[in-house]
Amino acid sequence: MSKTIFKICPEALWREAEKRGSFNGAPIDLAGGFIHFSTADQVRETAAKHFAGQSGLLLVAIDESRLGGALKYEVSRGGALFPHLYAPLDLSAVSWVKPLPIGSDGAHSFPDLTS
């Protein structure tokens, strides 16, 4: 069974990527030289830390087995290993894209991460 990793992305930026057929990254990714992803266990904290209060976001699920050797797990926040992609994301690796709305409690309301 392949593992799913996640990218939180502004909808407008993702729709541009869909037109091109690949995602080169958000500004933070371009500055760092790789595309930042989160595992299912990390993605809620990523949303709270880096996207608090932001609307118009999408949650993108990626099949990590489709990314090859350009995907590296590296130490990041709190010493945890985070998936980083050192190449553009080919959209054929995307399993699904879903809205990531802000809930009534002010936090992002996540869809089921397993489907």
PDB file of N, CA and C in Angstrom:
ATOM      1  N   MET A   1       0.847  -1.187   0.000  1.00  0.00           N
ATOM      2  CA  MET A   1       0.000   0.000   0.000  1.00  0.00           C
ATOM      3  C   MET A   1       0.884   1.240   0.000  1.00  0.00           C
ATOM      4  N   SER A   2       0.600   2.167  -0.879  1.00  0.00           N
ATOM      5  CA  SER A   2       1.415   3.368  -0.962  1.00  0.00           C
ATOM      6  C   SER A   2       0.976   4.385   0.091  1.00  0.00           C
ATOM      7  N   LYS A   3       1.900   5.223   0.462  1.00  0.00           N
ATOM      8  CA  LYS A   3       1.666   6.227   1.488  1.00  0.00           C
ATOM      9  C   LYS A   3       1.235   7.530   0.826  1.00  0.00           C
ATOM     10  N   THR A   4       0.297   8.209   1.467  1.00  0.00           N
ATOM     11  CA  THR A   4      -0.175   9.492   0.970  1.00  0.00           C
ATOM     12  C   THR A   4       0.457  10.606   1.792  1.00  0.00           C
ATOM     13  N   ILE A   5       0.965  11.624   1.102  1.00  0.00           N
ATOM     14  CA  ILE A   5       1.459  12.836   1.744  1.00  0.00           C
ATOM     15  C   ILE A   5       0.607  14.000   1.240  1.00  0.00           C
ATOM     16  N   PHE A   6       0.708  15.141   1.912  1.00  0.00           N
ATOM     17  CA  PHE A   6      -0.225  16.234   1.652  1.00  0.00           C
ATOM     18  C   PHE A   6       0.476  17.559   1.444  1.00  0.00           C
ATOM     19  N   LYS A   7      -0.159  18.380   0.599  1.00  0.00           N
ATOM     20  CA  LYS A   7       0.279  19.756   0.355  1.00  0.00           C
ATOM     21  C   LYS A   7      -0.925  20.658   0.574  1.00  0.00           C
ATOM     22  N   ILE A   8      -0.745  21.705   1.373  1.00  0.00           N
ATOM     23  CA  ILE A   8      -1.759  22.747   1.517  1.00  0.00           C
ATOM     24  C   ILE A   8      -1.372  23.856   0.558  1.00  0.00           C
ATOM     25  N   CYS A   9      -2.320  24.273  -0.261  1.00  0.00           N
ATOM     26  CA  CYS A   9      -1.989  25.204  -1.330  1.00  0.00           C
ATOM     27  C   CYS A   9      -3.129  26.192  -1.568  1.00  0.00           C
ATOM     28  N   PRO A  10      -2.805  27.468  -1.781  1.00  0.00           N
ATOM     29  CA  PRO A  10      -3.853  28.412  -2.192  1.00  0.00           C
ATOM     30  C   PRO A  10      -4.495  27.940  -3.496  1.00  0.00           C
ATOM     31  N   GLU A  11      -5.812  28.037  -3.567  1.00  0.00           N
ATOM     32  CA  GLU A  11      -6.527  27.505  -4.727  1.00  0.00           C
ATOM     33  C   GLU A  11      -6.044  28.120  -6.039  1.00  0.00           C
ATOM     34  N   ALA A  12      -5.834  29.427  -6.073  1.00  0.00           N
ATOM     35  CA  ALA A  12      -5.425  30.081  -7.324  1.00  0.00           C
ATOM     36  C   ALA A  12      -4.092  29.525  -7.819  1.00  0.00           C
ATOM     37  N   LEU A  13      -3.165  29.307  -6.913  1.00  0.00           N
ATOM     38  CA  LEU A  13      -1.857  28.766  -7.287  1.00  0.00           C
ATOM     39  C   LEU A  13      -1.988  27.335  -7.805  1.00  0.00           C
ATOM     40  N   TRP A  14      -2.865  26.546  -7.175  1.00  0.00           N
ATOM     41  CA  TRP A  14      -3.062  25.166  -7.621  1.00  0.00           C
ATOM     42  C   TRP A  14      -3.730  25.117  -8.989  1.00  0.00           C
ATOM     43  N   ARG A  15      -4.696  25.987  -9.237  1.00  0.00           N
ATOM     44  CA  ARG A  15      -5.383  25.985 -10.538  1.00  0.00           C
ATOM     45  C   ARG A  15      -4.411  26.341 -11.660  1.00  0.00           C
ATOM     46  N   GLU A  16      -3.432  27.214 -11.382  1.00  0.00           N
ATOM     47  CA  GLU A  16      -2.387  27.512 -12.379  1.00  0.00           C
ATOM     48  C   GLU A  16      -1.570  26.255 -12.680  1.00  0.00           C
ATOM     49  N   ALA A  17      -1.255  25.506 -11.634  1.00  0.00           N
ATOM     50  CA  ALA A  17      -0.483  24.273 -11.803  1.00  0.00           C
ATOM     51  C   ALA A  17      -1.263  23.260 -12.640  1.00  0.00           C
ATOM     52  N   GLU A  18      -2.570  23.179 -12.409  1.00  0.00           N
ATOM     53  CA  GLU A  18      -3.391  22.250 -13.192  1.00  0.00           C
ATOM     54  C   GLU A  18      -3.346  22.590 -14.676  1.00  0.00           C
ATOM     55  N   LYS A  19      -3.307  23.869 -15.004  1.00  0.00           N
ATOM     56  CA  LYS A  19      -3.220  24.279 -16.417  1.00  0.00           C
ATOM     57  C   LYS A  19      -1.881  23.873 -17.020  1.00  0.00           C
ATOM     58  N   ARG A  20      -0.809  23.939 -16.225  1.00  0.00           N
ATOM     59  CA  ARG A  20       0.536  23.598 -16.702  1.00  0.00           C
ATOM     60  C   ARG A  20       0.799  22.094 -16.680  1.00  0.00           C
ATOM     61  N   GLY A  21       0.116  21.382 -15.792  1.00  0.00           N
ATOM     62  CA  GLY A  21       0.350  19.950 -15.652  1.00  0.00           C
ATOM     63  C   GLY A  21       1.410  19.606 -14.627  1.00  0.00           C
ATOM     64  N   SER A  22       1.963  20.625 -13.966  1.00  0.00           N
ATOM     65  CA  SER A  22       2.925  20.373 -12.887  1.00  0.00           C
ATOM     66  C   SER A  22       2.886  21.539 -11.908  1.00  0.00           C
ATOM     67  N   PHE A  23       3.314  21.256 -10.680  1.00  0.00           N
ATOM     68  CA  PHE A  23       3.328  22.261  -9.620  1.00  0.00           C
ATOM     69  C   PHE A  23       4.785  22.489  -9.232  1.00  0.00           C
ATOM     70  N   ASN A  24       5.230  23.726  -9.403  1.00  0.00           N
ATOM     71  CA  ASN A  24       6.622  24.056  -9.092  1.00  0.00           C
ATOM     72  C   ASN A  24       6.812  24.489  -7.652  1.00  0.00           C
ATOM     73  N   GLY A  25       5.706  24.749  -6.950  1.00  0.00           N
ATOM     74  CA  GLY A  25       5.781  25.119  -5.550  1.00  0.00           C
ATOM     75  C   GLY A  25       5.215  26.496  -5.277  1.00  0.00           C
ATOM     76  N   ALA A  26       4.902  26.707  -4.009  1.00  0.00           N
ATOM     77  CA  ALA A  26       4.470  28.013  -3.519  1.00  0.00           C
ATOM     78  C   ALA A  26       5.730  28.857  -3.275  1.00  0.00           C
ATOM     79  N   PRO A  27       5.572  30.150  -3.017  1.00  0.00           N
ATOM     80  CA  PRO A  27       6.762  30.981  -2.771  1.00  0.00           C
ATOM     81  C   PRO A  27       7.721  30.418  -1.715  1.00  0.00           C
ATOM     82  N   ILE A  28       7.190  29.866  -0.623  1.00  0.00           N
ATOM     83  CA  ILE A  28       8.073  29.288   0.412  1.00  0.00           C
ATOM     84  C   ILE A  28       8.852  28.090  -0.136  1.00  0.00           C
ATOM     85  N   ASP A  29       8.245  27.325  -1.030  1.00  0.00           N
ATOM     86  CA  ASP A  29       8.927  26.183  -1.631  1.00  0.00           C
ATOM     87  C   ASP A  29      10.040  26.654  -2.558  1.00  0.00           C
ATOM     88  N   LEU A  30       9.729  27.633  -3.377  1.00  0.00           N
ATOM     89  CA  LEU A  30      10.712  28.151  -4.323  1.00  0.00           C
ATOM     90  C   LEU A  30      11.908  28.743  -3.585  1.00  0.00           C
ATOM     91  N   ALA A  31      11.654  29.423  -2.469  1.00  0.00           N
ATOM     92  CA  ALA A  31      12.735  30.009  -1.675  1.00  0.00           C
ATOM     93  C   ALA A  31      13.608  28.932  -1.039  1.00  0.00           C
ATOM     94  N   GLY A  32      12.986  27.820  -0.641  1.00  0.00           N
ATOM     95  CA  GLY A  32      13.730  26.750   0.027  1.00  0.00           C
ATOM     96  C   GLY A  32      14.406  25.774  -0.913  1.00  0.00           C
ATOM     97  N   GLY A  33      13.991  25.757  -2.167  1.00  0.00           N
ATOM     98  CA  GLY A  33      14.594  24.845  -3.142  1.00  0.00           C
ATOM     99  C   GLY A  33      13.933  23.485  -3.201  1.00  0.00           C
ATOM    100  N   PHE A  34      12.806  23.317  -2.521  1.00  0.00           N
ATOM    101  CA  PHE A  34      12.075  22.056  -2.557  1.00  0.00           C
ATOM    102  C   PHE A  34      10.620  22.323  -2.201  1.00  0.00           C
ATOM    103  N   ILE A  35       9.750  21.376  -2.551  1.00  0.00           N
ATOM    104  CA  ILE A  35       8.332  21.492  -2.214  1.00  0.00           C
ATOM    105  C   ILE A  35       8.108  20.819  -0.869  1.00  0.00           C
ATOM    106  N   HIS A  36       7.524  21.575   0.065  1.00  0.00           N
ATOM    107  CA  HIS A  36       7.227  21.077   1.403  1.00  0.00           C
ATOM    108  C   HIS A  36       5.935  20.265   1.392  1.00  0.00           C
ATOM    109  N   PHE A  37       5.971  19.086   1.964  1.00  0.00           N
ATOM    110  CA  PHE A  37       4.788  18.267   2.162  1.00  0.00           C
ATOM    111  C   PHE A  37       4.683  17.906   3.634  1.00  0.00           C
ATOM    112  N   SER A  38       3.541  17.359   4.016  1.00  0.00           N
ATOM    113  CA  SER A  38       3.318  16.866   5.367  1.00  0.00           C
ATOM    114  C   SER A  38       2.712  15.475   5.281  1.00  0.00           C
ATOM    115  N   THR A  39       2.976  14.670   6.290  1.00  0.00           N
ATOM    116  CA  THR A  39       2.310  13.382   6.404  1.00  0.00           C
ATOM    117  C   THR A  39       0.925  13.623   7.003  1.00  0.00           C
ATOM    118  N   ALA A  40       0.119  12.575   7.038  1.00  0.00           N
ATOM    119  CA  ALA A  40      -1.219  12.695   7.635  1.00  0.00           C
ATOM    120  C   ALA A  40      -1.126  13.114   9.101  1.00  0.00           C
ATOM    121  N   ASP A  41      -0.104  12.652   9.809  1.00  0.00           N
ATOM    122  CA  ASP A  41       0.059  13.011  11.218  1.00  0.00           C
ATOM    123  C   ASP A  41       0.531  14.449  11.412  1.00  0.00           C
ATOM    124  N   GLN A  42       1.108  15.054  10.377  1.00  0.00           N
ATOM    125  CA  GLN A  42       1.692  16.392  10.488  1.00  0.00           C
ATOM    126  C   GLN A  42       0.829  17.499   9.907  1.00  0.00           C
ATOM    127  N   VAL A  43      -0.099  17.172   9.016  1.00  0.00           N
ATOM    128  CA  VAL A  43      -0.738  18.197   8.192  1.00  0.00           C
ATOM    129  C   VAL A  43      -1.623  19.159   8.991  1.00  0.00           C
ATOM    130  N   ARG A  44      -2.264  18.702  10.038  1.00  0.00           N
ATOM    131  CA  ARG A  44      -3.098  19.616  10.838  1.00  0.00           C
ATOM    132  C   ARG A  44      -2.238  20.661  11.544  1.00  0.00           C
ATOM    133  N   GLU A  45      -1.105  20.233  12.084  1.00  0.00           N
ATOM    134  CA  GLU A  45      -0.191  21.178  12.727  1.00  0.00           C
ATOM    135  C   GLU A  45       0.392  22.152  11.705  1.00  0.00           C
ATOM    136  N   THR A  46       0.685  21.656  10.512  1.00  0.00           N
ATOM    137  CA  THR A  46       1.184  22.530   9.442  1.00  0.00           C
ATOM    138  C   THR A  46       0.154  23.612   9.128  1.00  0.00           C
ATOM    139  N   ALA A  47      -1.106  23.225   9.031  1.00  0.00           N
ATOM    140  CA  ALA A  47      -2.173  24.201   8.749  1.00  0.00           C
ATOM    141  C   ALA A  47      -2.248  25.246   9.854  1.00  0.00           C
ATOM    142  N   ALA A  48      -2.201  24.793  11.102  1.00  0.00           N
ATOM    143  CA  ALA A  48      -2.309  25.720  12.230  1.00  0.00           C
ATOM    144  C   ALA A  48      -1.108  26.655  12.314  1.00  0.00           C
ATOM    145  N   LYS A  49       0.075  26.146  12.016  1.00  0.00           N
ATOM    146  CA  LYS A  49       1.299  26.935  12.151  1.00  0.00           C
ATOM    147  C   LYS A  49       1.524  27.895  10.984  1.00  0.00           C
ATOM    148  N   HIS A  50       1.264  27.433   9.769  1.00  0.00           N
ATOM    149  CA  HIS A  50       1.639  28.214   8.584  1.00  0.00           C
ATOM    150  C   HIS A  50       0.459  28.822   7.819  1.00  0.00           C
ATOM    151  N   PHE A  51      -0.767  28.371   8.100  1.00  0.00           N
ATOM    152  CA  PHE A  51      -1.913  28.825   7.319  1.00  0.00           C
ATOM    153  C   PHE A  51      -3.067  29.308   8.191  1.00  0.00           C
ATOM    154  N   ALA A  52      -2.813  29.608   9.453  1.00  0.00           N
ATOM    155  CA  ALA A  52      -3.868  30.027  10.385  1.00  0.00           C
ATOM    156  C   ALA A  52      -4.662  31.201   9.824  1.00  0.00           C
ATOM    157  N   GLY A  53      -5.984  31.038   9.816  1.00  0.00           N
ATOM    158  CA  GLY A  53      -6.871  32.102   9.371  1.00  0.00           C
ATOM    159  C   GLY A  53      -6.965  32.288   7.866  1.00  0.00           C
ATOM    160  N   GLN A  54      -6.208  31.541   7.095  1.00  0.00           N
ATOM    161  CA  GLN A  54      -6.229  31.702   5.637  1.00  0.00           C
ATOM    162  C   GLN A  54      -7.367  30.888   5.031  1.00  0.00           C
ATOM    163  N   SER A  55      -8.143  31.530   4.198  1.00  0.00           N
ATOM    164  CA  SER A  55      -9.197  30.834   3.465  1.00  0.00           C
ATOM    165  C   SER A  55      -8.742  30.653   2.022  1.00  0.00           C
ATOM    166  N   GLY A  56      -9.568  29.978   1.233  1.00  0.00           N
ATOM    167  CA  GLY A  56      -9.238  29.766  -0.178  1.00  0.00           C
ATOM    168  C   GLY A  56      -8.128  28.754  -0.382  1.00  0.00           C
ATOM    169  N   LEU A  57      -8.008  27.807   0.558  1.00  0.00           N
ATOM    170  CA  LEU A  57      -6.958  26.799   0.461  1.00  0.00           C
ATOM    171  C   LEU A  57      -7.509  25.466  -0.020  1.00  0.00           C
ATOM    172  N   LEU A  58      -6.622  24.687  -0.614  1.00  0.00           N
ATOM    173  CA  LEU A  58      -6.939  23.324  -1.014  1.00  0.00           C
ATOM    174  C   LEU A  58      -5.988  22.377  -0.304  1.00  0.00           C
ATOM    175  N   LEU A  59      -6.470  21.170  -0.056  1.00  0.00           N
ATOM    176  CA  LEU A  59      -5.634  20.103   0.461  1.00  0.00           C
ATOM    177  C   LEU A  59      -5.414  19.125  -0.689  1.00  0.00           C
ATOM    178  N   VAL A  60      -4.155  18.898  -1.013  1.00  0.00           N
ATOM    179  CA  VAL A  60      -3.791  18.048  -2.135  1.00  0.00           C
ATOM    180  C   VAL A  60      -3.150  16.771  -1.581  1.00  0.00           C
ATOM    181  N   ALA A  61      -3.705  15.622  -1.969  1.00  0.00           N
ATOM    182  CA  ALA A  61      -3.171  14.324  -1.553  1.00  0.00           C
ATOM    183  C   ALA A  61      -2.308  13.758  -2.670  1.00  0.00           C
ATOM    184  N   ILE A  62      -1.104  13.326  -2.315  1.00  0.00           N
ATOM    185  CA  ILE A  62      -0.142  12.849  -3.295  1.00  0.00           C
ATOM    186  C   ILE A  62       0.298  11.433  -2.933  1.00  0.00           C
ATOM    187  N   ASP A  63       0.350  10.560  -3.918  1.00  0.00           N
ATOM    188  CA  ASP A  63       0.856   9.203  -3.741  1.00  0.00           C
ATOM    189  C   ASP A  63       2.380   9.279  -3.789  1.00  0.00           C
ATOM    190  N   GLU A  64       3.008   9.134  -2.621  1.00  0.00           N
ATOM    191  CA  GLU A  64       4.456   9.343  -2.574  1.00  0.00           C
ATOM    192  C   GLU A  64       5.230   8.322  -3.402  1.00  0.00           C
ATOM    193  N   SER A  65       4.651   7.159  -3.669  1.00  0.00           N
ATOM    194  CA  SER A  65       5.351   6.149  -4.466  1.00  0.00           C
ATOM    195  C   SER A  65       5.550   6.598  -5.912  1.00  0.00           C
ATOM    196  N   ARG A  66       4.824   7.634  -6.324  1.00  0.00           N
ATOM    197  CA  ARG A  66       4.930   8.149  -7.702  1.00  0.00           C
ATOM    198  C   ARG A  66       6.005   9.234  -7.839  1.00  0.00           C
ATOM    199  N   LEU A  67       6.686   9.578  -6.734  1.00  0.00           N
ATOM    200  CA  LEU A  67       7.607  10.718  -6.761  1.00  0.00           C
ATOM    201  C   LEU A  67       9.066  10.335  -6.972  1.00  0.00           C
ATOM    202  N   GLY A  68       9.401   9.082  -6.789  1.00  0.00           N
ATOM    203  CA  GLY A  68      10.761   8.631  -7.060  1.00  0.00           C
ATOM    204  C   GLY A  68      11.798   9.184  -6.094  1.00  0.00           C
ATOM    205  N   GLY A  69      13.034   9.193  -6.561  1.00  0.00           N
ATOM    206  CA  GLY A  69      14.172   9.567  -5.737  1.00  0.00           C
ATOM    207  C   GLY A  69      14.264  11.038  -5.382  1.00  0.00           C
ATOM    208  N   ALA A  70      13.448  11.869  -6.006  1.00  0.00           N
ATOM    209  CA  ALA A  70      13.477  13.309  -5.693  1.00  0.00           C
ATOM    210  C   ALA A  70      12.797  13.606  -4.360  1.00  0.00           C
ATOM    211  N   LEU A  71      12.082  12.612  -3.787  1.00  0.00           N
ATOM    212  CA  LEU A  71      11.434  12.801  -2.492  1.00  0.00           C
ATOM    213  C   LEU A  71      12.379  12.359  -1.390  1.00  0.00           C
ATOM    214  N   LYS A  72      12.632  13.265  -0.453  1.00  0.00           N
ATOM    215  CA  LYS A  72      13.519  12.987   0.684  1.00  0.00           C
ATOM    216  C   LYS A  72      12.785  13.320   1.972  1.00  0.00           C
ATOM    217  N   TYR A  73      12.936  12.489   2.984  1.00  0.00           N
ATOM    218  CA  TYR A  73      12.433  12.801   4.322  1.00  0.00           C
ATOM    219  C   TYR A  73      13.578  13.446   5.088  1.00  0.00           C
ATOM    220  N   GLU A  74      13.338  14.676   5.549  1.00  0.00           N
ATOM    221  CA  GLU A  74      14.396  15.427   6.215  1.00  0.00           C
ATOM    222  C   GLU A  74      13.889  16.015   7.525  1.00  0.00           C
ATOM    223  N   VAL A  75      14.814  16.191   8.466  1.00  0.00           N
ATOM    224  CA  VAL A  75      14.481  16.745   9.775  1.00  0.00           C
ATOM    225  C   VAL A  75      14.007  18.185   9.615  1.00  0.00           C
ATOM    226  N   SER A  76      12.892  18.480  10.250  1.00  0.00           N
ATOM    227  CA  SER A  76      12.329  19.827  10.214  1.00  0.00           C
ATOM    228  C   SER A  76      11.754  20.128  11.593  1.00  0.00           C
ATOM    229  N   ARG A  77      10.561  20.681  11.624  1.00  0.00           N
ATOM    230  CA  ARG A  77       9.912  21.145  12.849  1.00  0.00           C
ATOM    231  C   ARG A  77       9.988  20.111  13.977  1.00  0.00           C
ATOM    232  N   GLY A  78      10.565  20.526  15.096  1.00  0.00           N
ATOM    233  CA  GLY A  78      10.612  19.672  16.273  1.00  0.00           C
ATOM    234  C   GLY A  78      11.408  18.386  16.093  1.00  0.00           C
ATOM    235  N   GLY A  79      12.279  18.356  15.110  1.00  0.00           N
ATOM    236  CA  GLY A  79      13.086  17.169  14.869  1.00  0.00           C
ATOM    237  C   GLY A  79      12.383  16.079  14.077  1.00  0.00           C
ATOM    238  N   ALA A  80      11.131  16.320  13.684  1.00  0.00           N
ATOM    239  CA  ALA A  80      10.371  15.323  12.917  1.00  0.00           C
ATOM    240  C   ALA A  80      10.856  15.273  11.473  1.00  0.00           C
ATOM    241  N   LEU A  81      10.684  14.116  10.855  1.00  0.00           N
ATOM    242  CA  LEU A  81      11.029  13.960   9.443  1.00  0.00           C
ATOM    243  C   LEU A  81       9.836  14.381   8.586  1.00  0.00           C
ATOM    244  N   PHE A  82      10.087  15.327   7.688  1.00  0.00           N
ATOM    245  CA  PHE A  82       9.050  15.818   6.777  1.00  0.00           C
ATOM    246  C   PHE A  82       9.435  15.471   5.346  1.00  0.00           C
ATOM    247  N   PRO A  83       8.441  15.157   4.503  1.00  0.00           N
ATOM    248  CA  PRO A  83       8.731  14.873   3.097  1.00  0.00           C
ATOM    249  C   PRO A  83       8.971  16.160   2.310  1.00  0.00           C
ATOM    250  N   HIS A  84      10.087  16.178   1.574  1.00  0.00           N
ATOM    251  CA  HIS A  84      10.464  17.316   0.728  1.00  0.00           C
ATOM    252  C   HIS A  84      10.730  16.791  -0.677  1.00  0.00           C
ATOM    253  N   LEU A  85      10.181  17.456  -1.675  1.00  0.00           N
ATOM    254  CA  LEU A  85      10.360  17.044  -3.070  1.00  0.00           C
ATOM    255  C   LEU A  85      11.297  18.014  -3.774  1.00  0.00           C
ATOM    256  N   TYR A  86      12.399  17.488  -4.267  1.00  0.00           N
ATOM    257  CA  TYR A  86      13.408  18.288  -4.961  1.00  0.00           C
ATOM    258  C   TYR A  86      13.211  18.221  -6.475  1.00  0.00           C
ATOM    259  N   ALA A  87      11.999  18.457  -6.903  1.00  0.00           N
ATOM    260  CA  ALA A  87      11.630  18.461  -8.327  1.00  0.00           C
ATOM    261  C   ALA A  87      10.226  19.041  -8.414  1.00  0.00           C
ATOM    262  N   PRO A  88       9.811  19.476  -9.596  1.00  0.00           N
ATOM    263  CA  PRO A  88       8.402  19.859  -9.737  1.00  0.00           C
ATOM    264  C   PRO A  88       7.509  18.647  -9.483  1.00  0.00           C
ATOM    265  N   LEU A  89       6.322  18.903  -8.970  1.00  0.00           N
ATOM    266  CA  LEU A  89       5.347  17.844  -8.716  1.00  0.00           C
ATOM    267  C   LEU A  89       4.573  17.568  -9.992  1.00  0.00           C
ATOM    268  N   ASP A  90       4.744  16.365 -10.534  1.00  0.00           N
ATOM    269  CA  ASP A  90       3.956  15.934 -11.692  1.00  0.00           C
ATOM    270  C   ASP A  90       2.549  15.628 -11.185  1.00  0.00           C
ATOM    271  N   LEU A  91       1.556  16.224 -11.783  1.00  0.00           N
ATOM    272  CA  LEU A  91       0.196  16.090 -11.272  1.00  0.00           C
ATOM    273  C   LEU A  91      -0.374  14.682 -11.424  1.00  0.00           C
ATOM    274  N   SER A  92       0.304  13.828 -12.157  1.00  0.00           N
ATOM    275  CA  SER A  92      -0.148  12.436 -12.243  1.00  0.00           C
ATOM    276  C   SER A  92       0.012  11.718 -10.900  1.00  0.00           C
ATOM    277  N   ALA A  93       0.800  12.279  -9.990  1.00  0.00           N
ATOM    278  CA  ALA A  93       0.986  11.692  -8.657  1.00  0.00           C
ATOM    279  C   ALA A  93      -0.114  12.103  -7.678  1.00  0.00           C
ATOM    280  N   VAL A  94      -0.990  13.017  -8.090  1.00  0.00           N
ATOM    281  CA  VAL A  94      -2.039  13.531  -7.207  1.00  0.00           C
ATOM    282  C   VAL A  94      -3.208  12.549  -7.142  1.00  0.00           C
ATOM    283  N   SER A  95      -3.579  12.162  -5.919  1.00  0.00           N
ATOM    284  CA  SER A  95      -4.702  11.251  -5.709  1.00  0.00           C
ATOM    285  C   SER A  95      -6.028  11.997  -5.677  1.00  0.00           C
ATOM    286  N   TRP A  96      -6.049  13.143  -4.983  1.00  0.00           N
ATOM    287  CA  TRP A  96      -7.249  13.973  -4.921  1.00  0.00           C
ATOM    288  C   TRP A  96      -6.911  15.373  -4.443  1.00  0.00           C
ATOM    289  N   VAL A  97      -7.845  16.284  -4.710  1.00  0.00           N
ATOM    290  CA  VAL A  97      -7.749  17.678  -4.274  1.00  0.00           C
ATOM    291  C   VAL A  97      -9.094  18.035  -3.653  1.00  0.00           C
ATOM    292  N   LYS A  98      -9.073  18.545  -2.418  1.00  0.00           N
ATOM    293  CA  LYS A  98     -10.315  18.893  -1.723  1.00  0.00           C
ATOM    294  C   LYS A  98     -10.175  20.262  -1.069  1.00  0.00           C
ATOM    295  N   PRO A  99     -11.292  20.978  -0.916  1.00  0.00           N
ATOM    296  CA  PRO A  99     -11.261  22.272  -0.223  1.00  0.00           C
ATOM    297  C   PRO A  99     -10.823  22.090   1.226  1.00  0.00           C
ATOM    298  N   LEU A 100     -10.158  23.116   1.752  1.00  0.00           N
ATOM    299  CA  LEU A 100      -9.745  23.122   3.151  1.00  0.00           C
ATOM    300  C   LEU A 100     -10.324  24.382   3.813  1.00  0.00           C
ATOM    301  N   PRO A 101     -11.638  24.346   4.096  1.00  0.00           N
ATOM    302  CA  PRO A 101     -12.312  25.531   4.640  1.00  0.00           C
ATOM    303  C   PRO A 101     -11.972  25.765   6.110  1.00  0.00           C
ATOM    304  N   ILE A 102     -12.260  26.966   6.554  1.00  0.00           N
ATOM    305  CA  ILE A 102     -12.117  27.295   7.966  1.00  0.00           C
ATOM    306  C   ILE A 102     -13.439  26.971   8.652  1.00  0.00           C
ATOM    307  N   GLY A 103     -13.362  26.218   9.739  1.00  0.00           N
ATOM    308  CA  GLY A 103     -14.553  25.822  10.482  1.00  0.00           C
ATOM    309  C   GLY A 103     -15.026  26.911  11.420  1.00  0.00           C
ATOM    310  N   SER A 104     -16.139  26.666  12.065  1.00  0.00           N
ATOM    311  CA  SER A 104     -16.732  27.645  12.976  1.00  0.00           C
ATOM    312  C   SER A 104     -15.832  27.944  14.173  1.00  0.00           C
ATOM    313  N   ASP A 105     -14.890  27.039  14.466  1.00  0.00           N
ATOM    314  CA  ASP A 105     -13.963  27.261  15.577  1.00  0.00           C
ATOM    315  C   ASP A 105     -12.730  28.060  15.167  1.00  0.00           C
ATOM    316  N   GLY A 106     -12.664  28.448  13.891  1.00  0.00           N
ATOM    317  CA  GLY A 106     -11.537  29.226  13.394  1.00  0.00           C
ATOM    318  C   GLY A 106     -10.377  28.395  12.890  1.00  0.00           C
ATOM    319  N   ALA A 107     -10.427  27.080  13.078  1.00  0.00           N
ATOM    320  CA  ALA A 107      -9.401  26.178  12.583  1.00  0.00           C
ATOM    321  C   ALA A 107      -9.851  25.570  11.246  1.00  0.00           C
ATOM    322  N   HIS A 108      -8.924  25.091  10.474  1.00  0.00           N
ATOM    323  CA  HIS A 108      -9.287  24.461   9.203  1.00  0.00           C
ATOM    324  C   HIS A 108     -10.027  23.156   9.465  1.00  0.00           C
ATOM    325  N   SER A 109     -11.013  22.905   8.626  1.00  0.00           N
ATOM    326  CA  SER A 109     -11.845  21.726   8.717  1.00  0.00           C
ATOM    327  C   SER A 109     -11.360  20.712   7.671  1.00  0.00           C
ATOM    328  N   PHE A 110     -10.718  19.652   8.149  1.00  0.00           N
ATOM    329  CA  PHE A 110     -10.092  18.681   7.256  1.00  0.00           C
ATOM    330  C   PHE A 110     -11.075  17.623   6.778  1.00  0.00           C
ATOM    331  N   PRO A 111     -10.945  17.219   5.501  1.00  0.00           N
ATOM    332  CA  PRO A 111     -11.711  16.070   5.014  1.00  0.00           C
ATOM    333  C   PRO A 111     -11.090  14.790   5.565  1.00  0.00           C
ATOM    334  N   ASP A 112     -11.718  13.673   5.301  1.00  0.00           N
ATOM    335  CA  ASP A 112     -11.161  12.373   5.636  1.00  0.00           C
ATOM    336  C   ASP A 112      -9.863  12.212   4.842  1.00  0.00           C
ATOM    337  N   LEU A 113      -8.767  11.991   5.520  1.00  0.00           N
ATOM    338  CA  LEU A 113      -7.471  11.911   4.848  1.00  0.00           C
ATOM    339  C   LEU A 113      -7.218  10.553   4.207  1.00  0.00           C
ATOM    340  N   THR A 114      -8.093   9.607   4.430  1.00  0.00           N
ATOM    341  CA  THR A 114      -7.869   8.254   3.901  1.00  0.00           C
ATOM    342  C   THR A 114      -8.625   7.985   2.613  1.00  0.00           C
ATOM    343  N   SER A 115      -9.432   8.944   2.152  1.00  0.00           N
ATOM    344  CA  SER A 115     -10.194   8.665   0.920  1.00  0.00           C
ATOM    345  C   SER A 115     -10.030   9.771  -0.096  1.00  0.00           C
TER     346      SER A 115
END
